[in-house]
Amino acid sequence: DVLINATSVGLGDAQAMPDIDPDSLRHGMIV
């Protein structure tokens, strides 16, 4: 239901993305 990025990936870098499959982010999921 809810995905939480609790890593430092993205801190100070607007282009850094956690190594996940973006297509697994479902409509209605809370991120």
PDB file of all heavy atoms in Angstrom:
ATOM      1  N   ASP A   1       0.820  -1.213   0.000  1.00  0.00           N
ATOM      2  CA  ASP A   1       0.000   0.000   0.000  1.00  0.00           C
ATOM      3  C   ASP A   1       0.855   1.265   0.000  1.00  0.00           C
ATOM      4  O   ASP A   1       0.495   2.271  -0.621  1.00  0.00           O
ATOM      5  CB  ASP A   1      -0.901   0.036   1.243  1.00  0.00           C
ATOM      6  CG  ASP A   1      -1.876  -1.126   1.294  1.00  0.00           C
ATOM      7  OD1 ASP A   1      -2.620  -1.313   0.322  1.00  0.00           O
ATOM      8  OD2 ASP A   1      -1.868  -1.855   2.312  1.00  0.00           O
ATOM      9  N   VAL A   2       1.985   1.206   0.727  1.00  0.00           N
ATOM     10  CA  VAL A   2       2.844   2.386   0.874  1.00  0.00           C
ATOM     11  C   VAL A   2       4.300   1.982   0.683  1.00  0.00           C
ATOM     12  O   VAL A   2       4.795   1.074   1.359  1.00  0.00           O
ATOM     13  CB  VAL A   2       2.683   3.035   2.272  1.00  0.00           C
ATOM     14  CG1 VAL A   2       3.527   4.317   2.362  1.00  0.00           C
ATOM     15  CG2 VAL A   2       1.217   3.331   2.576  1.00  0.00           C
ATOM     16  N   LEU A   3       4.979   2.664  -0.230  1.00  0.00           N
ATOM     17  CA  LEU A   3       6.421   2.483  -0.452  1.00  0.00           C
ATOM     18  C   LEU A   3       7.157   3.655   0.176  1.00  0.00           C
ATOM     19  O   LEU A   3       6.760   4.813  -0.012  1.00  0.00           O
ATOM     20  CB  LEU A   3       6.733   2.424  -1.945  1.00  0.00           C
ATOM     21  CG  LEU A   3       8.216   2.490  -2.336  1.00  0.00           C
ATOM     22  CD1 LEU A   3       8.948   1.227  -1.881  1.00  0.00           C
ATOM     23  CD2 LEU A   3       8.385   2.706  -3.831  1.00  0.00           C
ATOM     24  N   ILE A   4       8.217   3.364   0.935  1.00  0.00           N
ATOM     25  CA  ILE A   4       8.995   4.422   1.590  1.00  0.00           C
ATOM     26  C   ILE A   4      10.459   4.287   1.219  1.00  0.00           C
ATOM     27  O   ILE A   4      11.076   3.237   1.447  1.00  0.00           O
ATOM     28  CB  ILE A   4       8.862   4.337   3.123  1.00  0.00           C
ATOM     29  CG1 ILE A   4       7.394   4.372   3.546  1.00  0.00           C
ATOM     30  CG2 ILE A   4       9.644   5.475   3.792  1.00  0.00           C
ATOM     31  CD1 ILE A   4       7.167   3.960   4.980  1.00  0.00           C
ATOM     32  N   ASN A   5      11.024   5.335   0.649  1.00  0.00           N
ATOM     33  CA  ASN A   5      12.467   5.356   0.432  1.00  0.00           C
ATOM     34  C   ASN A   5      13.114   5.913   1.694  1.00  0.00           C
ATOM     35  O   ASN A   5      13.049   7.105   1.968  1.00  0.00           O
ATOM     36  CB  ASN A   5      12.850   6.227  -0.763  1.00  0.00           C
ATOM     37  CG  ASN A   5      14.362   6.362  -0.888  1.00  0.00           C
ATOM     38  OD1 ASN A   5      15.098   5.418  -0.626  1.00  0.00           O
ATOM     39  ND2 ASN A   5      14.825   7.548  -1.259  1.00  0.00           N
ATOM     40  N   ALA A   6      13.737   5.038   2.484  1.00  0.00           N
ATOM     41  CA  ALA A   6      14.401   5.457   3.719  1.00  0.00           C
ATOM     42  C   ALA A   6      15.909   5.423   3.555  1.00  0.00           C
ATOM     43  O   ALA A   6      16.649   5.308   4.533  1.00  0.00           O
ATOM     44  CB  ALA A   6      13.974   4.569   4.880  1.00  0.00           C
ATOM     45  N   THR A   7      16.379   5.521   2.312  1.00  0.00           N
ATOM     46  CA  THR A   7      17.811   5.597   2.032  1.00  0.00           C
ATOM     47  C   THR A   7      18.199   7.041   1.790  1.00  0.00           C
ATOM     48  O   THR A   7      17.353   7.937   1.752  1.00  0.00           O
ATOM     49  CB  THR A   7      18.184   4.757   0.792  1.00  0.00           C
ATOM     50  OG1 THR A   7      17.776   5.468  -0.401  1.00  0.00           O
ATOM     51  CG2 THR A   7      17.516   3.390   0.830  1.00  0.00           C
ATOM     52  N   SER A   8      19.488   7.281   1.563  1.00  0.00           N
ATOM     53  CA  SER A   8      19.960   8.636   1.255  1.00  0.00           C
ATOM     54  C   SER A   8      20.024   8.888  -0.250  1.00  0.00           C
ATOM     55  O   SER A   8      20.468   9.961  -0.681  1.00  0.00           O
ATOM     56  CB  SER A   8      21.349   8.849   1.860  1.00  0.00           C
ATOM     57  OG  SER A   8      22.271   7.914   1.335  1.00  0.00           O
ATOM     58  N   VAL A   9      19.566   7.921  -1.048  1.00  0.00           N
ATOM     59  CA  VAL A   9      19.591   8.091  -2.497  1.00  0.00           C
ATOM     60  C   VAL A   9      18.670   9.246  -2.883  1.00  0.00           C
ATOM     61  O   VAL A   9      17.477   9.238  -2.563  1.00  0.00           O
ATOM     62  CB  VAL A   9      19.147   6.805  -3.225  1.00  0.00           C
ATOM     63  CG1 VAL A   9      19.081   7.045  -4.737  1.00  0.00           C
ATOM     64  CG2 VAL A   9      20.098   5.664  -2.920  1.00  0.00           C
ATOM     65  N   GLY A  10      19.229  10.242  -3.551  1.00  0.00           N
ATOM     66  CA  GLY A  10      18.476  11.423  -3.933  1.00  0.00           C
ATOM     67  C   GLY A  10      18.791  12.649  -3.117  1.00  0.00           C
ATOM     68  O   GLY A  10      18.419  13.769  -3.480  1.00  0.00           O
ATOM     69  N   LEU A  11      19.515  12.477  -1.999  1.00  0.00           N
ATOM     70  CA  LEU A  11      19.863  13.623  -1.167  1.00  0.00           C
ATOM     71  C   LEU A  11      20.835  14.529  -1.921  1.00  0.00           C
ATOM     72  O   LEU A  11      21.945  14.125  -2.256  1.00  0.00           O
ATOM     73  CB  LEU A  11      20.492  13.159   0.146  1.00  0.00           C
ATOM     74  CG  LEU A  11      20.865  14.262   1.141  1.00  0.00           C
ATOM     75  CD1 LEU A  11      19.623  15.036   1.560  1.00  0.00           C
ATOM     76  CD2 LEU A  11      21.553  13.671   2.361  1.00  0.00           C
ATOM     77  N   GLY A  12      20.393  15.743  -2.203  1.00  0.00           N
ATOM     78  CA  GLY A  12      21.223  16.697  -2.912  1.00  0.00           C
ATOM     79  C   GLY A  12      21.374  16.406  -4.389  1.00  0.00           C
ATOM     80  O   GLY A  12      22.162  17.059  -5.075  1.00  0.00           O
ATOM     81  N   ASP A  13      20.646  15.431  -4.913  1.00  0.00           N
ATOM     82  CA  ASP A  13      20.752  15.049  -6.324  1.00  0.00           C
ATOM     83  C   ASP A  13      19.367  14.748  -6.860  1.00  0.00           C
ATOM     84  O   ASP A  13      18.819  13.662  -6.627  1.00  0.00           O
ATOM     85  CB  ASP A  13      21.665  13.827  -6.471  1.00  0.00           C
ATOM     86  CG  ASP A  13      21.918  13.444  -7.923  1.00  0.00           C
ATOM     87  OD1 ASP A  13      21.254  14.009  -8.822  1.00  0.00           O
ATOM     88  OD2 ASP A  13      22.779  12.575  -8.169  1.00  0.00           O
ATOM     89  N   ALA A  14      18.787  15.685  -7.586  1.00  0.00           N
ATOM     90  CA  ALA A  14      17.419  15.546  -8.072  1.00  0.00           C
ATOM     91  C   ALA A  14      17.267  14.467  -9.126  1.00  0.00           C
ATOM     92  O   ALA A  14      16.130  14.069  -9.449  1.00  0.00           O
ATOM     93  CB  ALA A  14      16.931  16.879  -8.634  1.00  0.00           C
ATOM     94  N   GLN A  15      18.371  13.960  -9.677  1.00  0.00           N
ATOM     95  CA  GLN A  15      18.290  12.938 -10.721  1.00  0.00           C
ATOM     96  C   GLN A  15      18.530  11.530 -10.188  1.00  0.00           C
ATOM     97  O   GLN A  15      18.296  10.549 -10.904  1.00  0.00           O
ATOM     98  CB  GLN A  15      19.313  13.239 -11.822  1.00  0.00           C
ATOM     99  CG  GLN A  15      19.187  14.628 -12.438  1.00  0.00           C
ATOM    100  CD  GLN A  15      17.767  14.945 -12.890  1.00  0.00           C
ATOM    101  OE1 GLN A  15      17.112  14.132 -13.529  1.00  0.00           O
ATOM    102  NE2 GLN A  15      17.284  16.142 -12.551  1.00  0.00           N
ATOM    103  N   ALA A  16      19.007  11.392  -8.957  1.00  0.00           N
ATOM    104  CA  ALA A  16      19.324  10.074  -8.403  1.00  0.00           C
ATOM    105  C   ALA A  16      18.036   9.326  -8.077  1.00  0.00           C
ATOM    106  O   ALA A  16      17.150   9.854  -7.402  1.00  0.00           O
ATOM    107  CB  ALA A  16      20.189  10.210  -7.154  1.00  0.00           C
ATOM    108  N   MET A  17      17.981   8.084  -8.534  1.00  0.00           N
ATOM    109  CA  MET A  17      16.777   7.272  -8.374  1.00  0.00           C
ATOM    110  C   MET A  17      17.135   5.958  -7.696  1.00  0.00           C
ATOM    111  O   MET A  17      18.096   5.289  -8.090  1.00  0.00           O
ATOM    112  CB  MET A  17      16.171   6.989  -9.759  1.00  0.00           C
ATOM    113  CG  MET A  17      14.978   6.072  -9.769  1.00  0.00           C
ATOM    114  SD  MET A  17      13.453   6.935  -9.326  1.00  0.00           S
ATOM    115  CE  MET A  17      12.259   5.601  -9.596  1.00  0.00           C
ATOM    116  N   PRO A  18      16.411   5.546  -6.658  1.00  0.00           N
ATOM    117  CA  PRO A  18      16.657   4.224  -6.083  1.00  0.00           C
ATOM    118  C   PRO A  18      16.528   3.147  -7.153  1.00  0.00           C
ATOM    119  O   PRO A  18      15.717   3.289  -8.087  1.00  0.00           O
ATOM    120  CB  PRO A  18      15.551   4.092  -5.022  1.00  0.00           C
ATOM    121  CG  PRO A  18      15.179   5.495  -4.690  1.00  0.00           C
ATOM    122  CD  PRO A  18      15.332   6.267  -5.966  1.00  0.00           C
ATOM    123  N   ASP A  19      17.292   2.092  -7.020  1.00  0.00           N
ATOM    124  CA  ASP A  19      17.325   1.047  -8.038  1.00  0.00           C
ATOM    125  C   ASP A  19      16.086   0.161  -7.923  1.00  0.00           C
ATOM    126  O   ASP A  19      16.133  -0.948  -7.381  1.00  0.00           O
ATOM    127  CB  ASP A  19      18.602   0.214  -7.891  1.00  0.00           C
ATOM    128  CG  ASP A  19      18.792  -0.760  -9.046  1.00  0.00           C
ATOM    129  OD1 ASP A  19      18.043  -0.649 -10.039  1.00  0.00           O
ATOM    130  OD2 ASP A  19      19.674  -1.630  -8.944  1.00  0.00           O
ATOM    131  N   ILE A  20      14.969   0.684  -8.434  1.00  0.00           N
ATOM    132  CA  ILE A  20      13.729  -0.089  -8.470  1.00  0.00           C
ATOM    133  C   ILE A  20      13.187  -0.055  -9.893  1.00  0.00           C
ATOM    134  O   ILE A  20      13.612   0.749 -10.727  1.00  0.00           O
ATOM    135  CB  ILE A  20      12.656   0.477  -7.506  1.00  0.00           C
ATOM    136  CG1 ILE A  20      12.219   1.877  -7.963  1.00  0.00           C
ATOM    137  CG2 ILE A  20      13.171   0.493  -6.079  1.00  0.00           C
ATOM    138  CD1 ILE A  20      10.992   2.403  -7.252  1.00  0.00           C
ATOM    139  N   ASP A  21      12.236  -0.940 -10.176  1.00  0.00           N
ATOM    140  CA  ASP A  21      11.551  -0.934 -11.460  1.00  0.00           C
ATOM    141  C   ASP A  21      10.428   0.097 -11.386  1.00  0.00           C
ATOM    142  O   ASP A  21       9.449  -0.111 -10.667  1.00  0.00           O
ATOM    143  CB  ASP A  21      10.975  -2.326 -11.749  1.00  0.00           C
ATOM    144  CG  ASP A  21      10.237  -2.386 -13.076  1.00  0.00           C
ATOM    145  OD1 ASP A  21      10.159  -1.351 -13.774  1.00  0.00           O
ATOM    146  OD2 ASP A  21       9.727  -3.471 -13.410  1.00  0.00           O
ATOM    147  N   PRO A  22      10.547   1.229 -12.091  1.00  0.00           N
ATOM    148  CA  PRO A  22       9.516   2.269 -12.005  1.00  0.00           C
ATOM    149  C   PRO A  22       8.131   1.767 -12.383  1.00  0.00           C
ATOM    150  O   PRO A  22       7.128   2.273 -11.885  1.00  0.00           O
ATOM    151  CB  PRO A  22      10.012   3.340 -12.979  1.00  0.00           C
ATOM    152  CG  PRO A  22      11.478   3.092 -13.120  1.00  0.00           C
ATOM    153  CD  PRO A  22      11.641   1.614 -13.008  1.00  0.00           C
ATOM    154  N   ASP A  23       8.083   0.771 -13.262  1.00  0.00           N
ATOM    155  CA  ASP A  23       6.789   0.258 -13.697  1.00  0.00           C
ATOM    156  C   ASP A  23       6.075  -0.540 -12.612  1.00  0.00           C
ATOM    157  O   ASP A  23       4.900  -0.890 -12.765  1.00  0.00           O
ATOM    158  CB  ASP A  23       6.958  -0.605 -14.954  1.00  0.00           C
ATOM    159  CG  ASP A  23       7.370   0.225 -16.165  1.00  0.00           C
ATOM    160  OD1 ASP A  23       7.011   1.424 -16.192  1.00  0.00           O
ATOM    161  OD2 ASP A  23       8.050  -0.302 -17.050  1.00  0.00           O
ATOM    162  N   SER A  24       6.776  -0.848 -11.503  1.00  0.00           N
ATOM    163  CA  SER A  24       6.120  -1.545 -10.394  1.00  0.00           C
ATOM    164  C   SER A  24       5.431  -0.566  -9.448  1.00  0.00           C
ATOM    165  O   SER A  24       4.794  -0.982  -8.474  1.00  0.00           O
ATOM    166  CB  SER A  24       7.139  -2.399  -9.624  1.00  0.00           C
ATOM    167  OG  SER A  24       8.117  -1.590  -8.982  1.00  0.00           O
ATOM    168  N   LEU A  25       5.548   0.726  -9.750  1.00  0.00           N
ATOM    169  CA  LEU A  25       4.820   1.745  -8.987  1.00  0.00           C
ATOM    170  C   LEU A  25       3.403   1.790  -9.533  1.00  0.00           C
ATOM    171  O   LEU A  25       3.170   2.218 -10.661  1.00  0.00           O
ATOM    172  CB  LEU A  25       5.501   3.112  -9.131  1.00  0.00           C
ATOM    173  CG  LEU A  25       6.943   3.208  -8.635  1.00  0.00           C
ATOM    174  CD1 LEU A  25       7.546   4.558  -9.004  1.00  0.00           C
ATOM    175  CD2 LEU A  25       7.014   2.981  -7.134  1.00  0.00           C
ATOM    176  N   ARG A  26       2.437   1.347  -8.752  1.00  0.00           N
ATOM    177  CA  ARG A  26       1.073   1.206  -9.226  1.00  0.00           C
ATOM    178  C   ARG A  26       0.238   2.461  -8.958  1.00  0.00           C
ATOM    179  O   ARG A  26       0.445   3.164  -7.965  1.00  0.00           O
ATOM    180  CB  ARG A  26       0.391   0.018  -8.543  1.00  0.00           C
ATOM    181  CG  ARG A  26       0.978  -1.342  -8.872  1.00  0.00           C
ATOM    182  CD  ARG A  26       0.252  -2.435  -8.095  1.00  0.00           C
ATOM    183  NE  ARG A  26       0.517  -2.364  -6.651  1.00  0.00           N
ATOM    184  CZ  ARG A  26      -0.294  -1.831  -5.771  1.00  0.00           C
ATOM    185  NH1 ARG A  26      -1.443  -1.274  -6.147  1.00  0.00           N
ATOM    186  NH2 ARG A  26       0.013  -1.825  -4.484  1.00  0.00           N
ATOM    187  N   HIS A  27      -0.711   2.699  -9.827  1.00  0.00           N
ATOM    188  CA  HIS A  27      -1.669   3.783  -9.638  1.00  0.00           C
ATOM    189  C   HIS A  27      -2.376   3.598  -8.299  1.00  0.00           C
ATOM    190  O   HIS A  27      -2.851   2.504  -7.983  1.00  0.00           O
ATOM    191  CB  HIS A  27      -2.690   3.779 -10.768  1.00  0.00           C
ATOM    192  CG  HIS A  27      -3.652   4.925 -10.720  1.00  0.00           C
ATOM    193  ND1 HIS A  27      -4.780   4.936  -9.926  1.00  0.00           N
ATOM    194  CD2 HIS A  27      -3.637   6.126 -11.355  1.00  0.00           C
ATOM    195  CE1 HIS A  27      -5.421   6.073 -10.071  1.00  0.00           C
ATOM    196  NE2 HIS A  27      -4.757   6.815 -10.943  1.00  0.00           N
ATOM    197  N   GLY A  28      -2.430   4.643  -7.506  1.00  0.00           N
ATOM    198  CA  GLY A  28      -3.090   4.586  -6.208  1.00  0.00           C
ATOM    199  C   GLY A  28      -2.163   4.257  -5.053  1.00  0.00           C
ATOM    200  O   GLY A  28      -2.533   4.452  -3.892  1.00  0.00           O
ATOM    201  N   MET A  29      -0.965   3.732  -5.344  1.00  0.00           N
ATOM    202  CA  MET A  29       0.017   3.463  -4.296  1.00  0.00           C
ATOM    203  C   MET A  29       0.485   4.781  -3.684  1.00  0.00           C
ATOM    204  O   MET A  29       0.565   5.800  -4.380  1.00  0.00           O
ATOM    205  CB  MET A  29       1.211   2.696  -4.881  1.00  0.00           C
ATOM    206  CG  MET A  29       2.328   2.393  -3.899  1.00  0.00           C
ATOM    207  SD  MET A  29       3.789   1.672  -4.744  1.00  0.00           S
ATOM    208  CE  MET A  29       3.162   0.054  -5.200  1.00  0.00           C
ATOM    209  N   ILE A  30       0.775   4.774  -2.406  1.00  0.00           N
ATOM    210  CA  ILE A  30       1.385   5.938  -1.761  1.00  0.00           C
ATOM    211  C   ILE A  30       2.892   5.744  -1.775  1.00  0.00           C
ATOM    212  O   ILE A  30       3.392   4.696  -1.366  1.00  0.00           O
ATOM    213  CB  ILE A  30       0.882   6.100  -0.322  1.00  0.00           C
ATOM    214  CG1 ILE A  30      -0.626   6.374  -0.306  1.00  0.00           C
ATOM    215  CG2 ILE A  30       1.629   7.230   0.402  1.00  0.00           C
ATOM    216  CD1 ILE A  30      -1.243   6.340   1.076  1.00  0.00           C
ATOM    217  N   VAL A  31       3.616   6.734  -2.262  1.00  0.00           N
ATOM    218  CA  VAL A  31       5.079   6.676  -2.336  1.00  0.00           C
ATOM    219  C   VAL A  31       5.649   7.839  -1.540  1.00  0.00           C
ATOM    220  O   VAL A  31       5.356   9.003  -1.834  1.00  0.00           O
ATOM    221  CB  VAL A  31       5.579   6.722  -3.785  1.00  0.00           C
ATOM    222  CG1 VAL A  31       7.107   6.693  -3.820  1.00  0.00           C
ATOM    223  CG2 VAL A  31       5.005   5.546  -4.589  1.00  0.00           C
TER     224      VAL A  31
END
